[in-house]
Amino acid sequence: MTHDVGGKLPNYHNLHGNVYEWCRDWYSMEYPTGSLTDPTGPETGSFRVRRGGVFYDSAQQSRSAYRNGFPPGDQNYGIGLRVVRSVP
């Protein structure tokens, strides 16, 4: 089952293997190589990136580096998002 954020040790079920995390980026099979910080992918597309894994996935999928593409309207109990804001 899913867990509340902060209910486990850092980066255990808070990010890895709790629920897939929707990302703003459009998905592409081609992923940049080399030393890059926060690559954004293509400017448009048909699929959005989902990262991490969900609690019922294998260990290989339950890591933040795991990514896949899904239609933006896709929804189920294994998908979430991380709200981020800047603090002035």
PDB file of N, CA and C in Angstrom:
ATOM      1  N   MET A   1       0.836  -1.187   0.000  1.00  0.00           N
ATOM      2  CA  MET A   1       0.000   0.000   0.000  1.00  0.00           C
ATOM      3  C   MET A   1       0.874   1.240   0.000  1.00  0.00           C
ATOM      4  N   THR A   2       0.320   2.376  -0.329  1.00  0.00           N
ATOM      5  CA  THR A   2       1.084   3.621  -0.343  1.00  0.00           C
ATOM      6  C   THR A   2       1.337   4.095   1.089  1.00  0.00           C
ATOM      7  N   HIS A   3       2.312   4.995   1.232  1.00  0.00           N
ATOM      8  CA  HIS A   3       2.680   5.549   2.531  1.00  0.00           C
ATOM      9  C   HIS A   3       2.647   7.064   2.461  1.00  0.00           C
ATOM     10  N   ASP A   4       2.320   7.718   3.568  1.00  0.00           N
ATOM     11  CA  ASP A   4       2.374   9.171   3.633  1.00  0.00           C
ATOM     12  C   ASP A   4       3.812   9.640   3.487  1.00  0.00           C
ATOM     13  N   VAL A   5       4.009  10.793   2.857  1.00  0.00           N
ATOM     14  CA  VAL A   5       5.344  11.377   2.741  1.00  0.00           C
ATOM     15  C   VAL A   5       5.867  11.660   4.138  1.00  0.00           C
ATOM     16  N   GLY A   6       7.122  11.314   4.384  1.00  0.00           N
ATOM     17  CA  GLY A   6       7.729  11.514   5.690  1.00  0.00           C
ATOM     18  C   GLY A   6       7.517  10.343   6.624  1.00  0.00           C
ATOM     19  N   GLY A   7       6.783   9.335   6.183  1.00  0.00           N
ATOM     20  CA  GLY A   7       6.490   8.195   7.038  1.00  0.00           C
ATOM     21  C   GLY A   7       7.565   7.121   7.029  1.00  0.00           C
ATOM     22  N   LYS A   8       8.544   7.245   6.159  1.00  0.00           N
ATOM     23  CA  LYS A   8       9.642   6.277   6.058  1.00  0.00           C
ATOM     24  C   LYS A   8      10.967   7.029   6.081  1.00  0.00           C
ATOM     25  N   LEU A   9      12.060   6.286   6.113  1.00  0.00           N
ATOM     26  CA  LEU A   9      13.375   6.924   6.060  1.00  0.00           C
ATOM     27  C   LEU A   9      13.526   7.675   4.740  1.00  0.00           C
ATOM     28  N   PRO A  10      14.326   8.752   4.699  1.00  0.00           N
ATOM     29  CA  PRO A  10      14.496   9.512   3.452  1.00  0.00           C
ATOM     30  C   PRO A  10      14.899   8.613   2.283  1.00  0.00           C
ATOM     31  N   ASN A  11      14.270   8.861   1.134  1.00  0.00           N
ATOM     32  CA  ASN A  11      14.522   8.154  -0.121  1.00  0.00           C
ATOM     33  C   ASN A  11      14.226   6.674  -0.066  1.00  0.00           C
ATOM     34  N   TYR A  12      13.463   6.230   0.908  1.00  0.00           N
ATOM     35  CA  TYR A  12      13.045   4.830   0.885  1.00  0.00           C
ATOM     36  C   TYR A  12      11.689   4.779   0.189  1.00  0.00           C
ATOM     37  N   HIS A  13      10.592   4.869   0.882  1.00  0.00           N
ATOM     38  CA  HIS A  13       9.301   4.903   0.209  1.00  0.00           C
ATOM     39  C   HIS A  13       8.831   6.322  -0.071  1.00  0.00           C
ATOM     40  N   ASN A  14       9.564   7.322   0.364  1.00  0.00           N
ATOM     41  CA  ASN A  14       9.162   8.688   0.038  1.00  0.00           C
ATOM     42  C   ASN A  14       9.368   8.980  -1.442  1.00  0.00           C
ATOM     43  N   LEU A  15      10.364   8.394  -2.048  1.00  0.00           N
ATOM     44  CA  LEU A  15      10.623   8.632  -3.462  1.00  0.00           C
ATOM     45  C   LEU A  15      10.703   7.322  -4.232  1.00  0.00           C
ATOM     46  N   HIS A  16      11.349   6.330  -3.683  1.00  0.00           N
ATOM     47  CA  HIS A  16      11.566   5.074  -4.390  1.00  0.00           C
ATOM     48  C   HIS A  16      10.489   4.061  -4.038  1.00  0.00           C
ATOM     49  N   GLY A  17       9.633   3.743  -4.965  1.00  0.00           N
ATOM     50  CA  GLY A  17       8.715   2.633  -4.794  1.00  0.00           C
ATOM     51  C   GLY A  17       7.421   2.910  -4.069  1.00  0.00           C
ATOM     52  N   ASN A  18       7.081   4.142  -3.834  1.00  0.00           N
ATOM     53  CA  ASN A  18       5.782   4.434  -3.216  1.00  0.00           C
ATOM     54  C   ASN A  18       4.743   4.556  -4.330  1.00  0.00           C
ATOM     55  N   VAL A  19       4.809   5.609  -5.117  1.00  0.00           N
ATOM     56  CA  VAL A  19       3.975   5.761  -6.311  1.00  0.00           C
ATOM     57  C   VAL A  19       4.828   6.352  -7.424  1.00  0.00           C
ATOM     58  N   TYR A  20       4.432   6.105  -8.660  1.00  0.00           N
ATOM     59  CA  TYR A  20       5.094   6.775  -9.780  1.00  0.00           C
ATOM     60  C   TYR A  20       4.926   8.279  -9.608  1.00  0.00           C
ATOM     61  N   GLU A  21       5.899   9.029 -10.066  1.00  0.00           N
ATOM     62  CA  GLU A  21       5.835  10.484  -9.957  1.00  0.00           C
ATOM     63  C   GLU A  21       5.716  11.090 -11.346  1.00  0.00           C
ATOM     64  N   TRP A  22       4.608  11.822 -11.576  1.00  0.00           N
ATOM     65  CA  TRP A  22       4.450  12.537 -12.843  1.00  0.00           C
ATOM     66  C   TRP A  22       5.510  13.616 -12.935  1.00  0.00           C
ATOM     67  N   CYS A  23       6.069  13.798 -14.109  1.00  0.00           N
ATOM     68  CA  CYS A  23       7.040  14.864 -14.356  1.00  0.00           C
ATOM     69  C   CYS A  23       6.496  15.781 -15.443  1.00  0.00           C
ATOM     70  N   ARG A  24       6.979  16.986 -15.468  1.00  0.00           N
ATOM     71  CA  ARG A  24       6.542  17.971 -16.460  1.00  0.00           C
ATOM     72  C   ARG A  24       7.069  17.648 -17.858  1.00  0.00           C
ATOM     73  N   ASP A  25       8.154  16.933 -17.937  1.00  0.00           N
ATOM     74  CA  ASP A  25       8.840  16.671 -19.208  1.00  0.00           C
ATOM     75  C   ASP A  25       8.035  15.785 -20.139  1.00  0.00           C
ATOM     76  N   TRP A  26       8.154  16.066 -21.429  1.00  0.00           N
ATOM     77  CA  TRP A  26       7.624  15.166 -22.450  1.00  0.00           C
ATOM     78  C   TRP A  26       8.588  14.010 -22.594  1.00  0.00           C
ATOM     79  N   TYR A  27       8.066  12.828 -22.874  1.00  0.00           N
ATOM     80  CA  TYR A  27       8.869  11.609 -22.953  1.00  0.00           C
ATOM     81  C   TYR A  27       9.470  11.421 -24.334  1.00  0.00           C
ATOM     82  N   SER A  28      10.693  10.919 -24.375  1.00  0.00           N
ATOM     83  CA  SER A  28      11.351  10.514 -25.608  1.00  0.00           C
ATOM     84  C   SER A  28      12.159   9.258 -25.303  1.00  0.00           C
ATOM     85  N   MET A  29      12.173   8.315 -26.241  1.00  0.00           N
ATOM     86  CA  MET A  29      12.989   7.105 -26.077  1.00  0.00           C
ATOM     87  C   MET A  29      14.471   7.467 -26.039  1.00  0.00           C
ATOM     88  N   GLU A  30      14.834   8.552 -26.729  1.00  0.00           N
ATOM     89  CA  GLU A  30      16.228   8.997 -26.762  1.00  0.00           C
ATOM     90  C   GLU A  30      16.476   9.869 -25.541  1.00  0.00           C
ATOM     91  N   TYR A  31      17.428   9.464 -24.720  1.00  0.00           N
ATOM     92  CA  TYR A  31      17.739  10.213 -23.509  1.00  0.00           C
ATOM     93  C   TYR A  31      19.149  10.756 -23.632  1.00  0.00           C
ATOM     94  N   PRO A  32      19.381  12.019 -23.266  1.00  0.00           N
ATOM     95  CA  PRO A  32      20.720  12.598 -23.424  1.00  0.00           C
ATOM     96  C   PRO A  32      21.761  11.844 -22.601  1.00  0.00           C
ATOM     97  N   THR A  33      22.966  11.843 -23.104  1.00  0.00           N
ATOM     98  CA  THR A  33      24.067  11.196 -22.393  1.00  0.00           C
ATOM     99  C   THR A  33      25.072  12.257 -21.954  1.00  0.00           C
ATOM    100  N   GLY A  34      26.004  11.856 -21.129  1.00  0.00           N
ATOM    101  CA  GLY A  34      27.023  12.786 -20.657  1.00  0.00           C
ATOM    102  C   GLY A  34      26.623  13.396 -19.327  1.00  0.00           C
ATOM    103  N   SER A  35      27.355  14.381 -18.932  1.00  0.00           N
ATOM    104  CA  SER A  35      27.140  15.033 -17.644  1.00  0.00           C
ATOM    105  C   SER A  35      26.154  16.188 -17.805  1.00  0.00           C
ATOM    106  N   LEU A  36      24.894  15.941 -17.508  1.00  0.00           N
ATOM    107  CA  LEU A  36      23.854  16.954 -17.629  1.00  0.00           C
ATOM    108  C   LEU A  36      23.104  17.084 -16.309  1.00  0.00           C
ATOM    109  N   THR A  37      22.614  18.262 -16.031  1.00  0.00           N
ATOM    110  CA  THR A  37      21.789  18.480 -14.854  1.00  0.00           C
ATOM    111  C   THR A  37      20.378  18.775 -15.310  1.00  0.00           C
ATOM    112  N   ASP A  38      19.434  17.966 -14.882  1.00  0.00           N
ATOM    113  CA  ASP A  38      18.018  18.151 -15.169  1.00  0.00           C
ATOM    114  C   ASP A  38      17.692  18.306 -16.652  1.00  0.00           C
ATOM    115  N   PRO A  39      18.018  17.295 -17.475  1.00  0.00           N
ATOM    116  CA  PRO A  39      17.630  17.381 -18.890  1.00  0.00           C
ATOM    117  C   PRO A  39      16.107  17.369 -19.012  1.00  0.00           C
ATOM    118  N   THR A  40      15.555  18.184 -19.893  1.00  0.00           N
ATOM    119  CA  THR A  40      14.110  18.357 -19.969  1.00  0.00           C
ATOM    120  C   THR A  40      13.427  17.563 -21.067  1.00  0.00           C
ATOM    121  N   GLY A  41      14.143  17.001 -21.998  1.00  0.00           N
ATOM    122  CA  GLY A  41      13.508  16.246 -23.077  1.00  0.00           C
ATOM    123  C   GLY A  41      12.975  17.165 -24.159  1.00  0.00           C
ATOM    124  N   PRO A  42      12.157  16.615 -25.080  1.00  0.00           N
ATOM    125  CA  PRO A  42      11.645  17.409 -26.198  1.00  0.00           C
ATOM    126  C   PRO A  42      10.651  18.481 -25.728  1.00  0.00           C
ATOM    127  N   GLU A  43      10.381  19.456 -26.590  1.00  0.00           N
ATOM    128  CA  GLU A  43       9.467  20.550 -26.243  1.00  0.00           C
ATOM    129  C   GLU A  43       7.995  20.149 -26.339  1.00  0.00           C
ATOM    130  N   THR A  44       7.686  19.120 -27.129  1.00  0.00           N
ATOM    131  CA  THR A  44       6.309  18.634 -27.265  1.00  0.00           C
ATOM    132  C   THR A  44       6.329  17.117 -27.346  1.00  0.00           C
ATOM    133  N   GLY A  45       5.163  16.521 -27.290  1.00  0.00           N
ATOM    134  CA  GLY A  45       5.083  15.077 -27.416  1.00  0.00           C
ATOM    135  C   GLY A  45       3.688  14.565 -27.134  1.00  0.00           C
ATOM    136  N   SER A  46       3.555  13.256 -27.083  1.00  0.00           N
ATOM    137  CA  SER A  46       2.272  12.614 -26.803  1.00  0.00           C
ATOM    138  C   SER A  46       2.237  11.986 -25.418  1.00  0.00           C
ATOM    139  N   PHE A  47       3.421  11.776 -24.841  1.00  0.00           N
ATOM    140  CA  PHE A  47       3.523  11.122 -23.539  1.00  0.00           C
ATOM    141  C   PHE A  47       4.330  11.976 -22.571  1.00  0.00           C
ATOM    142  N   ARG A  48       3.940  11.974 -21.300  1.00  0.00           N
ATOM    143  CA  ARG A  48       4.685  12.651 -20.244  1.00  0.00           C
ATOM    144  C   ARG A  48       5.532  11.625 -19.497  1.00  0.00           C
ATOM    145  N   VAL A  49       6.587  12.094 -18.884  1.00  0.00           N
ATOM    146  CA  VAL A  49       7.482  11.217 -18.127  1.00  0.00           C
ATOM    147  C   VAL A  49       6.876  10.885 -16.773  1.00  0.00           C
ATOM    148  N   ARG A  50       6.990   9.607 -16.409  1.00  0.00           N
ATOM    149  CA  ARG A  50       6.721   9.167 -15.037  1.00  0.00           C
ATOM    150  C   ARG A  50       8.001   8.527 -14.540  1.00  0.00           C
ATOM    151  N   ARG A  51       8.412   8.887 -13.335  1.00  0.00           N
ATOM    152  CA  ARG A  51       9.648   8.362 -12.758  1.00  0.00           C
ATOM    153  C   ARG A  51       9.367   7.530 -11.532  1.00  0.00           C
ATOM    154  N   GLY A  52      10.379   6.747 -11.177  1.00  0.00           N
ATOM    155  CA  GLY A  52      10.289   5.928  -9.976  1.00  0.00           C
ATOM    156  C   GLY A  52       9.452   4.690 -10.220  1.00  0.00           C
ATOM    157  N   GLY A  53       9.013   4.094  -9.169  1.00  0.00           N
ATOM    158  CA  GLY A  53       8.193   2.900  -9.261  1.00  0.00           C
ATOM    159  C   GLY A  53       7.043   3.003  -8.288  1.00  0.00           C
ATOM    160  N   VAL A  54       6.164   2.052  -8.369  1.00  0.00           N
ATOM    161  CA  VAL A  54       5.025   2.005  -7.470  1.00  0.00           C
ATOM    162  C   VAL A  54       5.208   0.804  -6.549  1.00  0.00           C
ATOM    163  N   PHE A  55       4.538   0.788  -5.440  1.00  0.00           N
ATOM    164  CA  PHE A  55       4.766  -0.216  -4.409  1.00  0.00           C
ATOM    165  C   PHE A  55       4.627  -1.658  -4.883  1.00  0.00           C
ATOM    166  N   TYR A  56       3.949  -1.904  -5.999  1.00  0.00           N
ATOM    167  CA  TYR A  56       3.794  -3.276  -6.482  1.00  0.00           C
ATOM    168  C   TYR A  56       4.783  -3.637  -7.591  1.00  0.00           C
ATOM    169  N   ASP A  57       5.725  -2.743  -7.926  1.00  0.00           N
ATOM    170  CA  ASP A  57       6.712  -2.990  -8.982  1.00  0.00           C
ATOM    171  C   ASP A  57       7.922  -3.773  -8.482  1.00  0.00           C
ATOM    172  N   SER A  58       8.742  -4.174  -9.439  1.00  0.00           N
ATOM    173  CA  SER A  58      10.000  -4.855  -9.120  1.00  0.00           C
ATOM    174  C   SER A  58      11.003  -3.853  -8.555  1.00  0.00           C
ATOM    175  N   ALA A  59      12.062  -4.368  -7.948  1.00  0.00           N
ATOM    176  CA  ALA A  59      13.103  -3.512  -7.372  1.00  0.00           C
ATOM    177  C   ALA A  59      13.767  -2.658  -8.450  1.00  0.00           C
ATOM    178  N   GLN A  60      13.937  -3.166  -9.663  1.00  0.00           N
ATOM    179  CA  GLN A  60      14.574  -2.409 -10.736  1.00  0.00           C
ATOM    180  C   GLN A  60      13.754  -1.173 -11.109  1.00  0.00           C
ATOM    181  N   GLN A  61      12.448  -1.258 -11.036  1.00  0.00           N
ATOM    182  CA  GLN A  61      11.597  -0.121 -11.368  1.00  0.00           C
ATOM    183  C   GLN A  61      11.422   0.833 -10.189  1.00  0.00           C
ATOM    184  N   SER A  62      11.711   0.391  -8.996  1.00  0.00           N
ATOM    185  CA  SER A  62      11.503   1.218  -7.799  1.00  0.00           C
ATOM    186  C   SER A  62      12.741   2.040  -7.484  1.00  0.00           C
ATOM    187  N   ARG A  63      13.118   2.886  -8.405  1.00  0.00           N
ATOM    188  CA  ARG A  63      14.251   3.793  -8.236  1.00  0.00           C
ATOM    189  C   ARG A  63      13.984   5.057  -9.042  1.00  0.00           C
ATOM    190  N   SER A  64      14.524   6.170  -8.594  1.00  0.00           N
ATOM    191  CA  SER A  64      14.221   7.451  -9.235  1.00  0.00           C
ATOM    192  C   SER A  64      14.740   7.534 -10.667  1.00  0.00           C
ATOM    193  N   ALA A  65      15.744   6.740 -11.030  1.00  0.00           N
ATOM    194  CA  ALA A  65      16.281   6.761 -12.393  1.00  0.00           C
ATOM    195  C   ALA A  65      15.367   6.057 -13.388  1.00  0.00           C
ATOM    196  N   TYR A  66      14.438   5.244 -12.913  1.00  0.00           N
ATOM    197  CA  TYR A  66      13.526   4.554 -13.816  1.00  0.00           C
ATOM    198  C   TYR A  66      12.526   5.563 -14.379  1.00  0.00           C
ATOM    199  N   ARG A  67      12.378   5.580 -15.696  1.00  0.00           N
ATOM    200  CA  ARG A  67      11.454   6.513 -16.333  1.00  0.00           C
ATOM    201  C   ARG A  67      10.740   5.813 -17.470  1.00  0.00           C
ATOM    202  N   ASN A  68       9.525   6.263 -17.712  1.00  0.00           N
ATOM    203  CA  ASN A  68       8.731   5.732 -18.799  1.00  0.00           C
ATOM    204  C   ASN A  68       7.747   6.809 -19.222  1.00  0.00           C
ATOM    205  N   GLY A  69       7.109   6.629 -20.367  1.00  0.00           N
ATOM    206  CA  GLY A  69       6.162   7.619 -20.858  1.00  0.00           C
ATOM    207  C   GLY A  69       4.739   7.096 -20.868  1.00  0.00           C
ATOM    208  N   PHE A  70       3.805   7.949 -20.473  1.00  0.00           N
ATOM    209  CA  PHE A  70       2.392   7.597 -20.450  1.00  0.00           C
ATOM    210  C   PHE A  70       1.562   8.788 -20.917  1.00  0.00           C
ATOM    211  N   PRO A  71       0.372   8.546 -21.468  1.00  0.00           N
ATOM    212  CA  PRO A  71      -0.486   9.657 -21.890  1.00  0.00           C
ATOM    213  C   PRO A  71      -0.786  10.579 -20.701  1.00  0.00           C
ATOM    214  N   PRO A  72      -0.818  11.891 -20.917  1.00  0.00           N
ATOM    215  CA  PRO A  72      -1.042  12.839 -19.813  1.00  0.00           C
ATOM    216  C   PRO A  72      -2.318  12.596 -19.018  1.00  0.00           C
ATOM    217  N   GLY A  73      -3.341  12.018 -19.608  1.00  0.00           N
ATOM    218  CA  GLY A  73      -4.588  11.781 -18.892  1.00  0.00           C
ATOM    219  C   GLY A  73      -4.634  10.473 -18.121  1.00  0.00           C
ATOM    220  N   ASP A  74      -3.555   9.681 -18.183  1.00  0.00           N
ATOM    221  CA  ASP A  74      -3.526   8.391 -17.499  1.00  0.00           C
ATOM    222  C   ASP A  74      -3.623   8.599 -15.991  1.00  0.00           C
ATOM    223  N   GLN A  75      -4.432   7.795 -15.333  1.00  0.00           N
ATOM    224  CA  GLN A  75      -4.570   7.937 -13.884  1.00  0.00           C
ATOM    225  C   GLN A  75      -4.895   6.591 -13.256  1.00  0.00           C
ATOM    226  N   ASN A  76      -4.334   6.362 -12.068  1.00  0.00           N
ATOM    227  CA  ASN A  76      -4.673   5.208 -11.245  1.00  0.00           C
ATOM    228  C   ASN A  76      -4.094   5.439  -9.848  1.00  0.00           C
ATOM    229  N   TYR A  77      -4.317   4.526  -8.937  1.00  0.00           N
ATOM    230  CA  TYR A  77      -3.903   4.714  -7.552  1.00  0.00           C
ATOM    231  C   TYR A  77      -2.397   4.630  -7.350  1.00  0.00           C
ATOM    232  N   GLY A  78      -1.634   4.290  -8.372  1.00  0.00           N
ATOM    233  CA  GLY A  78      -0.184   4.193  -8.247  1.00  0.00           C
ATOM    234  C   GLY A  78       0.561   5.377  -8.816  1.00  0.00           C
ATOM    235  N   ILE A  79      -0.131   6.498  -9.080  1.00  0.00           N
ATOM    236  CA  ILE A  79       0.501   7.683  -9.672  1.00  0.00           C
ATOM    237  C   ILE A  79       0.331   8.867  -8.739  1.00  0.00           C
ATOM    238  N   GLY A  80       1.394   9.617  -8.545  1.00  0.00           N
ATOM    239  CA  GLY A  80       1.331  10.819  -7.717  1.00  0.00           C
ATOM    240  C   GLY A  80       2.138  11.933  -8.350  1.00  0.00           C
ATOM    241  N   LEU A  81       2.344  12.980  -7.615  1.00  0.00           N
ATOM    242  CA  LEU A  81       3.192  14.070  -8.071  1.00  0.00           C
ATOM    243  C   LEU A  81       3.837  14.698  -6.851  1.00  0.00           C
ATOM    244  N   ARG A  82       4.913  15.393  -7.091  1.00  0.00           N
ATOM    245  CA  ARG A  82       5.637  16.077  -6.015  1.00  0.00           C
ATOM    246  C   ARG A  82       5.484  17.570  -6.230  1.00  0.00           C
ATOM    247  N   VAL A  83       4.893  18.241  -5.274  1.00  0.00           N
ATOM    248  CA  VAL A  83       4.683  19.681  -5.358  1.00  0.00           C
ATOM    249  C   VAL A  83       5.950  20.384  -4.872  1.00  0.00           C
ATOM    250  N   VAL A  84       6.445  21.302  -5.679  1.00  0.00           N
ATOM    251  CA  VAL A  84       7.667  22.030  -5.348  1.00  0.00           C
ATOM    252  C   VAL A  84       7.394  23.514  -5.487  1.00  0.00           C
ATOM    253  N   ARG A  85       7.911  24.297  -4.563  1.00  0.00           N
ATOM    254  CA  ARG A  85       7.791  25.741  -4.688  1.00  0.00           C
ATOM    255  C   ARG A  85       9.068  26.392  -4.205  1.00  0.00           C
ATOM    256  N   SER A  86       9.307  27.590  -4.676  1.00  0.00           N
ATOM    257  CA  SER A  86      10.476  28.366  -4.254  1.00  0.00           C
ATOM    258  C   SER A  86      10.149  29.153  -3.005  1.00  0.00           C
ATOM    259  N   VAL A  87      11.104  29.244  -2.122  1.00  0.00           N
ATOM    260  CA  VAL A  87      10.945  30.053  -0.923  1.00  0.00           C
ATOM    261  C   VAL A  87      11.777  31.313  -1.086  1.00  0.00           C
ATOM    262  N   PRO A  88      11.128  32.483  -1.017  1.00  0.00           N
ATOM    263  CA  PRO A  88      11.885  33.733  -1.231  1.00  0.00           C
ATOM    264  C   PRO A  88      12.926  33.974  -0.145  1.00  0.00           C
TER     265      PRO A  88
END
